[in-house]
Amino acid sequence: MIRFKVTFGTWLFFLLGKTVCSTAAFTPKPHALLTIRGGSDFTPEGDGDSPTFETTVIQEMSDTPNDKETPMVNVESAPVGKASNAVSAVVKKGMSPSLTNAIERTGPALLMLGILYLILKFTGEKGLLYGLVPLMQLGMYSETTGIIESFHQKNNIDMEVKLEKWWWFATIFVSTTLRGLGSIGGLTGEYLDLLSYFMVVVGLVMAVVGMASHQSAGPDMFRKYLGELAAFHFALIFLVGQSSFWVKTIQSFGMEWVLYPALLVVINDTMAYVFGVLLGKHKLLPRLSPKKTVEGFIGAAVSTCAAAGPLLNLFVNYFGEHSKASLVMGNGNRNLVKHALIIGLYTSLISPFGGFLASAVKRAHSAKDFGTLIPGHGGVVDRFDCQVVTAPFIFFYLKTCIEKMSPST
């Protein structure tokens, strides 16, 4: 039970980290004409890749002497871009946009925390392996392909490859996530490999027949068809393929080795915001993510590496010297600082590029967020774009460290 409470607390930090750091200090005054700009990531160090909205707010007092001074609010809203979220039409007196944004984001975060609590309490790690991870993969793939299809439909270039899209999802899911679980319904790994290959062959035939039988078959149609299918395949590799390593990590090394790097990513994201607000002057990738700064990126990297050692020491000491977490560190945990620094560097220098790539995908398809599943946050991809980049590295790094160690080490 104690172990579960600690795990629950770490997930609390993980889910609420962005919520706390994603609001800027701004207090509107009454009797003023206000222009509010924002979005689901309304932060100085936010994505900066999403269309924003612009809202004009006028507050004025009643002129009637006998009436109580009740503020009258007149709101004129002018959307900019294709923002899917907007500030409430009625703005309460004295409530800043940042506070409104914080309230909007905190509720869904607490809801996600409650769902995670129930999963861990009643199902343990099996609930994550057989429930949460597959559902997240399904959600991320559906969101990404959804904004691609929506963009293609608006521009009359959608090839309607829904059958092929979901067939390839099933193929990759069987060959990665299900294969990682070992055996499903009596099918062992070898039979799952054979099944995966059979599904690839069927997908190949399906793609060729689909192109050849299309009513507008020709070079132009082939380019559009292959381009859309290639985008779906990239989503499969980037999202489903990489996130399947969560399954391998949980099975081989325990849940702590999913939590630890996840917390480092949250620390990195939080400190990028802090340093960006305090010191940010030079844009990092202005054409891709305009609000990311060099100072924020470097400050976050230094902070994450500084926190990596103490945080890993906390994990190792809690789970015990004979745990898998301690085994990776070597006898006496003498390698703790080295391993923590390596993992910290990766989550600081490489993992953020998952978010940059997600920004590019949204910009390319004129999308504000990947979805609306999590109000105030966006979709599943918006919250886990950096986490999926970290998953395969953690598994391979831990596997290499353990295999190189001998009992006499």
Protein backbone atom coordinates (compact mmCIF):
# COMPACT_ATOMS: atom_id res chain seq x y z
CA MET A 1 0.00 0.00 0.00
CA ILE A 2 2.85 2.37 0.81
CA ARG A 3 4.37 1.74 -2.60
CA PHE A 4 1.11 2.58 -4.26
CA LYS A 5 0.81 5.87 -2.39
CA VAL A 6 4.24 6.96 -3.52
CA THR A 7 3.44 5.97 -7.09
CA PHE A 8 0.17 7.87 -6.85
CA GLY A 9 2.01 10.95 -5.64
CA THR A 10 4.49 10.86 -8.49
CA TRP A 11 1.67 10.62 -11.01
CA LEU A 12 0.02 13.60 -9.29
CA PHE A 13 3.13 15.66 -10.02
CA PHE A 14 3.25 14.26 -13.56
CA LEU A 15 -0.35 15.18 -14.41
CA LEU A 16 -0.46 18.56 -12.68
CA GLY A 17 3.05 19.76 -13.53
CA LYS A 18 2.07 21.44 -16.77
CA THR A 19 -1.16 22.76 -15.29
CA VAL A 20 0.65 24.72 -12.59
CA CYS A 21 3.37 26.10 -14.84
CA SER A 22 1.19 26.96 -17.80
CA THR A 23 -0.40 30.16 -16.50
CA ALA A 24 1.01 33.65 -16.75
CA ALA A 25 0.49 36.40 -14.17
CA PHE A 26 -2.04 38.82 -15.60
CA THR A 27 -4.76 40.59 -13.63
CA PRO A 28 -7.27 42.70 -15.58
CA LYS A 29 -8.65 45.85 -13.98
CA PRO A 30 -12.33 46.88 -14.04
CA HIS A 31 -13.52 49.72 -16.25
CA ALA A 32 -10.94 48.81 -18.85
CA LEU A 33 -10.94 47.70 -22.47
CA LEU A 34 -9.05 44.41 -22.51
CA THR A 35 -7.71 42.39 -25.40
CA ILE A 36 -7.05 38.81 -24.36
CA ARG A 37 -5.08 36.42 -26.51
CA GLY A 38 -4.76 32.78 -25.68
CA GLY A 39 -5.24 29.16 -26.55
CA SER A 40 -4.97 25.75 -24.93
CA ASP A 41 -1.24 26.37 -24.46
CA PHE A 42 -1.38 30.02 -23.35
CA THR A 43 2.12 30.29 -21.90
CA PRO A 44 5.18 32.34 -22.76
CA GLU A 45 7.09 29.09 -23.19
CA GLY A 46 4.18 27.13 -24.67
CA ASP A 47 4.01 25.45 -28.03
CA GLY A 48 3.40 28.68 -29.87
CA ASP A 49 2.39 26.61 -32.86
CA SER A 50 -1.35 26.81 -32.47
CA PRO A 51 -3.74 29.43 -33.82
CA THR A 52 -4.85 31.72 -31.00
CA PHE A 53 -8.06 33.51 -30.23
CA GLU A 54 -8.61 37.19 -29.52
CA THR A 55 -11.35 38.40 -27.18
CA THR A 56 -12.28 41.98 -26.37
CA VAL A 57 -13.76 42.53 -22.91
CA ILE A 58 -15.40 45.75 -21.72
CA GLN A 59 -16.30 46.13 -18.04
CA GLU A 60 -18.41 49.05 -16.83
CA MET A 61 -20.48 49.93 -13.75
CA SER A 62 -24.19 50.69 -13.66
CA ASP A 63 -25.11 54.38 -13.83
CA THR A 64 -28.22 53.98 -11.69
CA PRO A 65 -27.55 55.51 -8.24
CA ASN A 66 -29.98 53.28 -6.36
CA ASP A 67 -28.72 50.04 -7.85
CA LYS A 68 -25.96 48.04 -6.31
CA GLU A 69 -22.69 48.37 -8.11
CA THR A 70 -22.89 45.22 -10.14
CA PRO A 71 -20.44 45.09 -13.02
CA MET A 72 -21.96 44.72 -16.46
CA VAL A 73 -19.81 42.73 -18.84
CA ASN A 74 -19.97 43.15 -22.59
CA VAL A 75 -17.90 40.66 -24.54
CA GLU A 76 -17.13 40.84 -28.24
CA SER A 77 -15.25 37.84 -29.50
CA ALA A 78 -13.28 37.72 -32.74
CA PRO A 79 -11.73 34.31 -33.45
CA VAL A 80 -8.28 34.24 -35.01
CA GLY A 81 -7.25 31.10 -36.93
CA LYS A 82 -9.14 27.95 -36.10
CA ALA A 83 -8.98 27.90 -32.31
CA SER A 84 -11.10 25.10 -30.89
CA ASN A 85 -11.14 26.47 -27.34
CA ALA A 86 -12.29 29.97 -26.37
CA VAL A 87 -12.53 32.06 -23.24
CA SER A 88 -15.94 31.92 -21.60
CA ALA A 89 -18.33 34.57 -22.91
CA VAL A 90 -18.85 35.94 -19.41
CA VAL A 91 -15.73 37.02 -17.54
CA LYS A 92 -16.14 37.25 -13.78
CA LYS A 93 -15.02 40.47 -12.15
CA GLY A 94 -11.42 40.24 -10.94
CA MET A 95 -10.70 36.84 -12.53
CA SER A 96 -7.65 36.88 -14.77
CA PRO A 97 -7.41 34.83 -17.96
CA SER A 98 -4.53 32.88 -16.41
CA LEU A 99 -6.74 31.87 -13.48
CA THR A 100 -9.51 30.85 -15.85
CA ASN A 101 -7.00 28.80 -17.83
CA ALA A 102 -5.66 27.16 -14.67
CA ILE A 103 -9.17 26.18 -13.54
CA GLU A 104 -9.97 24.80 -16.98
CA ARG A 105 -6.82 22.65 -17.00
CA THR A 106 -6.87 21.51 -13.38
CA GLY A 107 -10.25 19.78 -13.50
CA PRO A 108 -9.40 17.40 -16.37
CA ALA A 109 -5.98 16.73 -14.81
CA LEU A 110 -7.63 15.67 -11.55
CA LEU A 111 -10.05 13.50 -13.50
CA MET A 112 -7.16 11.75 -15.28
CA LEU A 113 -5.48 11.28 -11.91
CA GLY A 114 -8.62 9.69 -10.51
CA ILE A 115 -8.85 7.28 -13.45
CA LEU A 116 -5.21 6.32 -13.01
CA TYR A 117 -5.77 5.80 -9.29
CA LEU A 118 -8.64 3.39 -9.95
CA ILE A 119 -6.62 1.49 -12.56
CA LEU A 120 -3.67 1.02 -10.21
CA LYS A 121 -5.84 0.16 -7.22
CA PHE A 122 -8.01 -2.49 -8.85
CA THR A 123 -5.81 -3.85 -11.64
CA GLY A 124 -2.21 -2.92 -10.84
CA GLU A 125 0.36 -3.09 -13.62
CA LYS A 126 -1.87 -5.42 -15.66
CA GLY A 127 -4.34 -2.59 -16.04
CA LEU A 128 -1.61 -0.48 -17.58
CA LEU A 129 -0.29 -3.26 -19.81
CA TYR A 130 -3.60 -4.57 -21.11
CA GLY A 131 -5.75 -1.46 -20.77
CA LEU A 132 -4.21 1.99 -20.52
CA VAL A 133 -1.27 1.59 -22.93
CA PRO A 134 -3.37 0.08 -25.78
CA LEU A 135 -6.05 2.74 -25.29
CA MET A 136 -3.44 5.51 -25.41
CA GLN A 137 -1.97 4.07 -28.60
CA LEU A 138 -5.42 3.90 -30.17
CA GLY A 139 -6.15 7.47 -29.10
CA MET A 140 -2.86 8.92 -30.34
CA TYR A 141 -3.14 7.22 -33.72
CA SER A 142 -6.77 8.21 -34.14
CA GLU A 143 -6.02 11.85 -33.29
CA THR A 144 -3.04 12.15 -35.63
CA THR A 145 -4.69 10.49 -38.61
CA GLY A 146 -7.83 12.47 -37.84
CA ILE A 147 -6.21 15.89 -38.35
CA ILE A 148 -4.53 14.60 -41.53
CA GLU A 149 -7.83 13.36 -42.96
CA SER A 150 -9.63 16.55 -41.92
CA PHE A 151 -7.05 18.69 -43.70
CA HIS A 152 -7.21 16.53 -46.83
CA GLN A 153 -11.00 16.64 -46.87
CA LYS A 154 -11.05 20.45 -46.67
CA ASN A 155 -8.61 20.59 -49.58
CA ASN A 156 -10.39 17.86 -51.59
CA ILE A 157 -7.40 15.52 -51.56
CA ASP A 158 -8.68 12.89 -49.13
CA MET A 159 -8.29 9.40 -50.60
CA GLU A 160 -10.66 7.73 -48.10
CA VAL A 161 -8.26 5.00 -47.01
CA LYS A 162 -10.01 4.30 -43.71
CA LEU A 163 -9.96 0.51 -44.17
CA GLU A 164 -6.26 0.49 -44.97
CA LYS A 165 -5.59 2.94 -42.14
CA TRP A 166 -7.05 0.69 -39.45
CA TRP A 167 -5.71 -2.49 -41.02
CA TRP A 168 -2.17 -1.16 -40.72
CA PHE A 169 -2.84 -0.04 -37.16
CA ALA A 170 -3.90 -3.58 -36.27
CA THR A 171 -0.82 -4.96 -38.02
CA ILE A 172 1.65 -2.75 -36.13
CA PHE A 173 -0.24 -3.22 -32.87
CA VAL A 174 -0.01 -7.01 -33.14
CA SER A 175 3.67 -6.95 -34.09
CA THR A 176 4.71 -4.54 -31.32
CA THR A 177 2.42 -4.22 -28.31
CA LEU A 178 0.81 -7.66 -28.42
CA ARG A 179 4.16 -9.25 -29.27
CA GLY A 180 5.65 -7.54 -26.24
CA LEU A 181 2.97 -9.01 -23.98
CA GLY A 182 4.22 -12.48 -24.92
CA SER A 183 1.08 -14.47 -25.63
CA ILE A 184 -2.55 -13.56 -26.28
CA GLY A 185 -5.39 -16.05 -26.39
CA GLY A 186 -2.98 -18.97 -26.53
CA LEU A 187 -0.92 -17.47 -29.37
CA THR A 188 2.77 -17.40 -28.48
CA GLY A 189 5.34 -14.98 -29.83
CA GLU A 190 6.23 -17.15 -32.82
CA TYR A 191 2.62 -17.38 -33.96
CA LEU A 192 2.15 -13.65 -33.45
CA ASP A 193 5.16 -13.06 -35.72
CA LEU A 194 3.57 -15.25 -38.39
CA LEU A 195 0.23 -13.48 -37.96
CA SER A 196 1.94 -10.10 -38.30
CA TYR A 197 3.63 -11.11 -41.54
CA PHE A 198 0.33 -12.41 -42.92
CA MET A 199 -1.31 -9.08 -42.07
CA VAL A 200 1.51 -7.19 -43.86
CA VAL A 201 0.93 -9.29 -47.00
CA VAL A 202 -2.81 -8.60 -46.89
CA GLY A 203 -2.11 -4.89 -46.41
CA LEU A 204 0.18 -4.88 -49.44
CA VAL A 205 -2.46 -6.50 -51.66
CA MET A 206 -5.12 -4.17 -50.26
CA ALA A 207 -3.05 -1.08 -51.10
CA VAL A 208 -2.33 -2.13 -54.69
CA VAL A 209 -5.91 -3.19 -55.41
CA GLY A 210 -7.19 0.01 -53.80
CA MET A 211 -5.08 2.20 -56.08
CA ALA A 212 -5.80 0.20 -59.24
CA SER A 213 -9.56 0.12 -58.69
CA HIS A 214 -9.96 3.77 -57.73
CA GLN A 215 -12.34 5.70 -60.01
CA SER A 216 -9.69 8.33 -60.73
CA ALA A 217 -6.71 5.99 -60.97
CA GLY A 218 -3.68 7.71 -62.44
CA PRO A 219 -0.32 9.24 -61.48
CA ASP A 220 -1.85 12.15 -59.55
CA MET A 221 -4.18 9.87 -57.62
CA PHE A 222 -1.33 7.45 -56.85
CA ARG A 223 0.77 10.27 -55.39
CA LYS A 224 -2.08 11.41 -53.15
CA TYR A 225 -2.90 7.86 -52.05
CA LEU A 226 0.71 6.94 -51.26
CA GLY A 227 1.30 10.28 -49.53
CA GLU A 228 -1.66 9.82 -47.20
CA LEU A 229 -0.77 6.21 -46.49
CA ALA A 230 2.85 7.19 -45.82
CA ALA A 231 1.68 9.79 -43.27
CA PHE A 232 -0.35 7.12 -41.49
CA HIS A 233 2.62 4.76 -41.45
CA PHE A 234 4.84 7.44 -39.95
CA ALA A 235 2.25 7.98 -37.21
CA LEU A 236 2.32 4.24 -36.52
CA ILE A 237 6.10 4.13 -36.22
CA PHE A 238 6.41 7.31 -34.15
CA LEU A 239 3.46 6.77 -31.80
CA VAL A 240 2.51 3.10 -31.62
CA GLY A 241 5.95 1.64 -32.31
CA GLN A 242 7.77 3.76 -29.74
CA SER A 243 5.08 3.64 -27.04
CA SER A 244 5.05 -0.18 -27.21
CA PHE A 245 8.36 -0.03 -25.31
CA TRP A 246 6.38 0.97 -22.23
CA VAL A 247 5.12 -2.61 -22.20
CA LYS A 248 8.63 -4.02 -22.43
CA THR A 249 9.94 -1.68 -19.74
CA ILE A 250 7.16 -2.47 -17.26
CA GLN A 251 7.58 -6.20 -17.76
CA SER A 252 11.37 -6.22 -17.56
CA PHE A 253 12.21 -3.45 -15.11
CA GLY A 254 9.04 -2.40 -13.30
CA MET A 255 6.73 0.57 -13.30
CA GLU A 256 9.32 2.83 -11.64
CA TRP A 257 11.30 2.96 -14.88
CA VAL A 258 8.30 4.44 -16.67
CA LEU A 259 7.60 6.92 -13.88
CA TYR A 260 11.18 8.14 -13.46
CA PRO A 261 11.79 9.34 -17.04
CA ALA A 262 8.22 10.66 -17.21
CA LEU A 263 8.92 12.87 -14.21
CA LEU A 264 12.16 14.08 -15.79
CA VAL A 265 10.25 15.11 -18.92
CA VAL A 266 7.78 17.05 -16.76
CA ILE A 267 10.64 18.75 -14.90
CA ASN A 268 12.25 19.66 -18.20
CA ASP A 269 9.03 21.11 -19.59
CA THR A 270 8.37 23.07 -16.40
CA MET A 271 11.86 24.55 -16.21
CA ALA A 272 11.80 25.43 -19.92
CA TYR A 273 8.78 27.57 -19.12
CA VAL A 274 10.42 29.18 -16.07
CA PHE A 275 13.70 30.05 -17.80
CA GLY A 276 11.86 31.14 -20.91
CA VAL A 277 9.79 33.64 -18.90
CA LEU A 278 12.73 34.93 -16.85
CA LEU A 279 15.54 34.96 -19.39
CA GLY A 280 14.12 34.10 -22.80
CA LYS A 281 15.35 36.43 -25.55
CA HIS A 282 16.57 34.25 -28.42
CA LYS A 283 14.09 32.08 -30.33
CA LEU A 284 15.04 28.42 -30.63
CA LEU A 285 12.94 27.35 -33.62
CA PRO A 286 10.98 30.48 -34.56
CA ARG A 287 9.36 29.07 -37.70
CA LEU A 288 8.26 25.90 -35.97
CA SER A 289 7.56 26.82 -32.37
CA PRO A 290 7.91 30.60 -31.98
CA LYS A 291 7.67 30.74 -28.19
CA LYS A 292 10.48 28.28 -27.48
CA THR A 293 13.71 30.03 -26.53
CA VAL A 294 17.37 29.06 -26.40
CA GLU A 295 17.56 30.21 -22.78
CA GLY A 296 14.57 28.07 -21.86
CA PHE A 297 16.02 25.02 -23.60
CA ILE A 298 19.45 25.35 -21.94
CA GLY A 299 18.06 26.24 -18.52
CA ALA A 300 15.71 23.26 -18.63
CA ALA A 301 18.57 20.91 -19.59
CA VAL A 302 20.75 22.06 -16.69
CA SER A 303 17.86 21.85 -14.22
CA THR A 304 16.78 18.40 -15.38
CA CYS A 305 20.30 16.99 -15.14
CA ALA A 306 20.67 18.51 -11.67
CA ALA A 307 17.42 16.89 -10.51
CA ALA A 308 18.04 13.53 -12.21
CA GLY A 309 20.51 12.22 -9.59
CA PRO A 310 18.53 13.03 -6.43
CA LEU A 311 15.30 11.80 -8.02
CA LEU A 312 16.84 8.49 -9.09
CA ASN A 313 18.40 8.09 -5.63
CA LEU A 314 14.92 8.54 -4.16
CA PHE A 315 13.53 5.80 -6.41
CA VAL A 316 16.40 3.38 -5.67
CA ASN A 317 16.29 3.89 -1.92
CA TYR A 318 12.54 3.47 -1.77
CA PHE A 319 12.32 0.28 -3.80
CA GLY A 320 15.27 -1.29 -2.00
CA GLU A 321 18.81 -2.44 -2.76
CA HIS A 322 17.66 -5.77 -4.23
CA SER A 323 15.11 -4.22 -6.59
CA LYS A 324 15.56 -3.98 -10.34
CA ALA A 325 15.97 -0.24 -9.96
CA SER A 326 19.01 -0.82 -7.75
CA LEU A 327 20.38 -3.61 -9.95
CA VAL A 328 20.83 -1.21 -12.85
CA MET A 329 22.97 1.01 -10.67
CA GLY A 330 25.48 -1.73 -9.71
CA ASN A 331 26.69 -2.77 -6.26
CA GLY A 332 26.45 0.06 -3.79
CA ASN A 333 24.68 2.18 -6.40
CA ARG A 334 28.08 3.51 -7.40
CA ASN A 335 26.87 4.13 -10.98
CA LEU A 336 23.78 6.08 -9.93
CA VAL A 337 25.06 9.53 -10.85
CA LYS A 338 26.38 8.34 -14.22
CA HIS A 339 23.11 6.68 -15.23
CA ALA A 340 21.00 9.55 -13.93
CA LEU A 341 23.06 12.06 -15.90
CA ILE A 342 22.77 10.06 -19.13
CA ILE A 343 19.00 9.70 -18.78
CA GLY A 344 18.71 13.35 -17.79
CA LEU A 345 20.65 14.47 -20.86
CA TYR A 346 18.45 12.41 -23.16
CA THR A 347 15.19 13.72 -21.69
CA SER A 348 16.57 17.27 -21.91
CA LEU A 349 18.20 17.29 -25.35
CA ILE A 350 16.28 14.67 -27.37
CA SER A 351 12.81 14.17 -25.87
CA PRO A 352 11.69 17.79 -26.53
CA PHE A 353 12.08 17.13 -30.25
CA GLY A 354 9.04 14.89 -30.00
CA GLY A 355 7.09 18.02 -29.13
CA PHE A 356 8.75 19.98 -31.93
CA LEU A 357 7.76 17.31 -34.43
CA ALA A 358 4.20 17.31 -33.11
CA SER A 359 4.16 21.09 -33.63
CA ALA A 360 5.26 20.61 -37.23
CA VAL A 361 2.46 18.10 -37.85
CA LYS A 362 -0.14 20.48 -36.43
CA ARG A 363 1.17 23.41 -38.43
CA ALA A 364 1.29 21.37 -41.63
CA HIS A 365 -2.38 20.47 -41.25
CA SER A 366 -3.70 23.76 -39.82
CA ALA A 367 -4.65 22.15 -36.52
CA LYS A 368 -4.65 23.86 -33.14
CA ASP A 369 -4.51 20.66 -31.07
CA PHE A 370 -4.49 16.98 -31.87
CA GLY A 371 -7.83 16.51 -30.17
CA THR A 372 -10.32 17.76 -27.58
CA LEU A 373 -10.41 14.71 -25.34
CA ILE A 374 -8.76 16.58 -22.46
CA PRO A 375 -10.32 20.06 -22.08
CA GLY A 376 -7.67 22.71 -21.62
CA HIS A 377 -4.92 20.30 -22.62
CA GLY A 378 -5.85 19.13 -26.10
CA GLY A 379 -5.53 15.51 -27.09
CA VAL A 380 -3.51 12.54 -25.93
CA VAL A 381 -0.68 13.34 -28.35
CA ASP A 382 -0.44 16.88 -26.97
CA ARG A 383 0.42 15.45 -23.56
CA PHE A 384 2.61 12.50 -24.54
CA ASP A 385 4.54 13.63 -27.62
CA CYS A 386 7.80 13.86 -25.64
CA GLN A 387 7.11 10.76 -23.55
CA VAL A 388 6.93 8.40 -26.54
CA VAL A 389 10.39 9.53 -27.71
CA THR A 390 11.80 8.60 -24.29
CA ALA A 391 10.25 5.12 -24.06
CA PRO A 392 12.53 3.11 -26.41
CA PHE A 393 15.72 4.77 -25.13
CA ILE A 394 14.94 3.86 -21.52
CA PHE A 395 14.29 0.21 -22.39
CA PHE A 396 17.43 -0.24 -24.50
CA TYR A 397 19.59 1.65 -22.03
CA LEU A 398 18.43 -0.40 -19.05
CA LYS A 399 18.71 -3.64 -21.00
CA THR A 400 22.29 -2.80 -22.00
CA CYS A 401 23.28 -1.84 -18.46
CA ILE A 402 21.95 -5.06 -16.93
CA GLU A 403 23.39 -7.37 -19.60
CA LYS A 404 26.86 -5.86 -19.16
CA MET A 405 26.82 -6.52 -15.44
CA SER A 406 27.95 -9.80 -13.92
CA PRO A 407 27.22 -11.24 -10.46
CA SER A 408 30.72 -10.34 -9.37
CA THR A 409 30.29 -6.67 -10.31
